[in-house]
Amino acid sequence: MNPKLKIGILFLAGALLAAVIRLVLFANEPSDQALIKAALEDSLQASKEGRPGGVLELLSNQFSVNETLSPSHRDISRYVRDFRPDIEIVQWNPDVRSDSASVRSPAIVKFGFPVNQEVRISEVELGFEKESGVKWLLIPTKEWKLTSVTIPQESLQELVSNFPASQFGF
């Protein structure tokens, strides 16, 4: 067999193999809206159960509240573990624009023991951005991360009124 023909066949086989691998790994990617909704639902369930790890996975390193507060991951972890907030986002409708997205919705935040409090927030805005990540410890990918939460100041004050201000970085 001609050496050039062998090289051509090997090249085509390699290209075909690469196409199949790409198709298997990335073909059935859900929409950005579905990815955001799934990540947020998982995080809210983890919060309700007092599992800070599930919440922290969603947060960006640049996470902020009302653009001025930047609670540390340690503070957020303690807050979730101690108070198990049950957060309900009333309307799920992510507005996706390229590598950023936002969700605007009323929300209900419930705390159990020791606070026993329910706070209704007229409108909360959750800001998301795609950040670099890794899939299966090897393949580079983009993940949606929560970068900001914006709520009315009076709702923020009501949320933290039963907690020592210095305890959670608010």
Protein backbone atom coordinates (compact mmCIF):
# COMPACT_ATOMS: atom_id res chain seq x y z
CA MET A 1 0.00 0.00 0.00
CA ASN A 2 1.20 3.47 -0.84
CA PRO A 3 2.65 5.34 2.21
CA LYS A 4 0.71 8.51 1.33
CA LEU A 5 -2.50 6.50 1.24
CA LYS A 6 -1.72 5.03 4.68
CA ILE A 7 -1.12 8.50 6.11
CA GLY A 8 -4.37 9.74 4.55
CA ILE A 9 -6.34 6.82 6.00
CA LEU A 10 -4.79 7.32 9.46
CA PHE A 11 -5.56 11.05 9.30
CA LEU A 12 -9.20 10.38 8.35
CA ALA A 13 -9.53 7.74 11.06
CA GLY A 14 -8.11 10.17 13.64
CA ALA A 15 -10.44 12.94 12.52
CA LEU A 16 -13.41 10.58 12.66
CA LEU A 17 -12.42 9.41 16.13
CA ALA A 18 -12.06 13.03 17.32
CA ALA A 19 -15.50 13.89 15.90
CA VAL A 20 -17.10 10.90 17.63
CA ILE A 21 -15.47 11.76 20.96
CA ARG A 22 -16.61 15.39 20.69
CA LEU A 23 -20.13 14.27 19.80
CA VAL A 24 -20.30 11.86 22.74
CA LEU A 25 -18.96 14.41 25.23
CA PHE A 26 -20.81 17.52 24.13
CA ALA A 27 -23.77 16.58 21.92
CA ASN A 28 -26.52 16.47 24.50
CA GLU A 29 -25.61 19.61 26.41
CA PRO A 30 -28.76 21.14 27.91
CA SER A 31 -29.57 24.79 27.24
CA ASP A 32 -27.98 27.52 29.34
CA GLN A 33 -31.36 28.18 30.96
CA ALA A 34 -31.69 24.52 31.95
CA LEU A 35 -28.12 24.47 33.31
CA ILE A 36 -28.73 27.59 35.43
CA LYS A 37 -32.03 26.27 36.74
CA ALA A 38 -30.55 22.87 37.63
CA ALA A 39 -27.54 24.42 39.40
CA LEU A 40 -29.74 26.82 41.33
CA GLU A 41 -32.22 24.10 42.33
CA ASP A 42 -29.39 21.86 43.56
CA SER A 43 -27.91 24.74 45.56
CA LEU A 44 -31.27 25.70 47.10
CA GLN A 45 -31.89 22.08 48.12
CA ALA A 46 -28.42 21.88 49.68
CA SER A 47 -29.12 25.10 51.59
CA LYS A 48 -32.41 23.73 52.92
CA GLU A 49 -30.58 20.60 54.10
CA GLY A 50 -27.76 22.60 55.71
CA ARG A 51 -25.10 21.30 53.28
CA PRO A 52 -22.79 24.26 52.59
CA GLY A 53 -20.75 22.42 49.96
CA GLY A 54 -23.66 22.34 47.53
CA VAL A 55 -24.17 26.07 47.96
CA LEU A 56 -20.49 26.98 47.67
CA GLU A 57 -20.16 25.05 44.37
CA LEU A 58 -22.54 27.53 42.74
CA LEU A 59 -20.85 30.69 44.05
CA SER A 60 -18.25 32.60 42.08
CA ASN A 61 -15.12 33.78 43.86
CA GLN A 62 -16.35 37.30 43.05
CA PHE A 63 -19.75 36.75 44.73
CA SER A 64 -21.33 39.86 46.23
CA VAL A 65 -24.61 40.98 47.79
CA ASN A 66 -25.97 44.36 46.68
CA GLU A 67 -22.58 45.09 45.06
CA THR A 68 -21.09 46.15 48.40
CA LEU A 69 -21.10 43.08 50.63
CA SER A 70 -18.79 40.19 49.88
CA PRO A 71 -19.31 37.51 52.53
CA SER A 72 -16.53 34.94 52.66
CA HIS A 73 -17.15 31.32 51.74
CA ARG A 74 -16.49 30.48 55.38
CA ASP A 75 -19.23 32.86 56.55
CA ILE A 76 -21.68 31.52 53.97
CA SER A 77 -20.83 27.95 54.93
CA ARG A 78 -21.50 28.66 58.61
CA TYR A 79 -24.72 30.54 57.79
CA VAL A 80 -26.07 27.62 55.71
CA ARG A 81 -25.03 25.00 58.25
CA ASP A 82 -26.44 26.87 61.26
CA PHE A 83 -29.70 28.25 59.85
CA ARG A 84 -30.61 26.01 56.88
CA PRO A 85 -32.41 28.72 54.92
CA ASP A 86 -35.26 27.43 52.77
CA ILE A 87 -35.25 29.77 49.77
CA GLU A 88 -38.03 29.75 47.20
CA ILE A 89 -37.52 31.56 43.92
CA VAL A 90 -41.07 32.21 42.72
CA GLN A 91 -40.44 32.72 38.98
CA TRP A 92 -37.79 30.76 37.10
CA ASN A 93 -36.99 32.64 33.94
CA PRO A 94 -33.27 33.15 33.35
CA ASP A 95 -32.46 35.92 30.88
CA VAL A 96 -29.32 34.61 29.15
CA ARG A 97 -27.00 36.94 27.23
CA SER A 98 -23.90 35.18 25.92
CA ASP A 99 -21.70 34.54 29.00
CA SER A 100 -23.94 36.25 31.56
CA ALA A 101 -27.47 35.71 32.79
CA SER A 102 -29.88 37.03 35.37
CA VAL A 103 -32.99 35.84 37.16
CA ARG A 104 -35.44 38.43 38.51
CA SER A 105 -38.13 37.10 40.79
CA PRO A 106 -39.89 37.52 44.09
CA ALA A 107 -38.48 35.19 46.72
CA ILE A 108 -39.42 33.72 50.07
CA VAL A 109 -36.75 32.91 52.63
CA LYS A 110 -37.68 30.74 55.62
CA PHE A 111 -35.52 30.00 58.63
CA GLY A 112 -36.23 27.31 61.17
CA PHE A 113 -34.84 26.96 64.65
CA PRO A 114 -33.45 29.04 66.32
CA VAL A 115 -34.88 32.00 64.37
CA ASN A 116 -38.26 30.83 63.03
CA GLN A 117 -38.60 33.65 60.54
CA GLU A 118 -40.07 34.08 57.04
CA VAL A 119 -38.99 36.97 54.85
CA ARG A 120 -40.79 37.82 51.60
CA ILE A 121 -38.63 39.70 49.13
CA SER A 122 -40.49 41.68 46.47
CA GLU A 123 -37.73 41.26 43.88
CA VAL A 124 -34.38 39.57 43.98
CA GLU A 125 -31.95 39.64 41.08
CA LEU A 126 -29.50 36.79 40.77
CA GLY A 127 -26.55 37.47 38.46
CA PHE A 128 -24.71 34.58 36.80
CA GLU A 129 -21.60 34.36 34.64
CA LYS A 130 -19.94 31.53 32.79
CA GLU A 131 -16.59 30.70 34.34
CA SER A 132 -13.92 28.22 33.40
CA GLY A 133 -14.24 24.78 34.93
CA VAL A 134 -13.26 21.18 34.36
CA LYS A 135 -15.45 18.23 33.44
CA TRP A 136 -14.38 14.74 34.50
CA LEU A 137 -11.14 16.15 35.99
CA LEU A 138 -9.73 16.56 32.49
CA ILE A 139 -11.87 18.36 29.96
CA PRO A 140 -12.06 22.17 30.11
CA THR A 141 -15.61 23.51 30.20
CA LYS A 142 -17.66 26.54 31.20
CA GLU A 143 -19.87 26.50 34.31
CA TRP A 144 -22.53 28.94 35.40
CA LYS A 145 -21.61 30.59 38.71
CA LEU A 146 -23.66 32.95 40.86
CA THR A 147 -21.77 36.25 40.95
CA SER A 148 -24.27 38.60 42.56
CA VAL A 149 -27.49 38.88 44.51
CA THR A 150 -29.34 42.18 44.58
CA ILE A 151 -32.27 42.69 46.93
CA PRO A 152 -33.99 45.76 48.39
CA GLN A 153 -32.06 47.15 51.35
CA GLU A 154 -35.04 46.78 53.71
CA SER A 155 -35.27 43.07 52.86
CA LEU A 156 -31.56 42.65 53.54
CA GLN A 157 -31.97 44.35 56.91
CA GLU A 158 -34.89 42.06 57.73
CA LEU A 159 -32.87 38.99 56.73
CA VAL A 160 -29.98 39.83 59.03
CA SER A 161 -31.94 41.45 61.87
CA ASN A 162 -31.93 38.29 64.00
CA PHE A 163 -28.24 37.55 63.46
CA PRO A 164 -25.25 39.25 65.05
CA ALA A 165 -23.99 41.54 62.28
CA SER A 166 -20.36 40.59 62.69
CA GLN A 167 -21.10 36.86 62.62
CA PHE A 168 -21.71 36.62 58.88
CA GLY A 169 -19.92 39.54 57.34
CA PHE A 170 -23.07 41.62 56.82
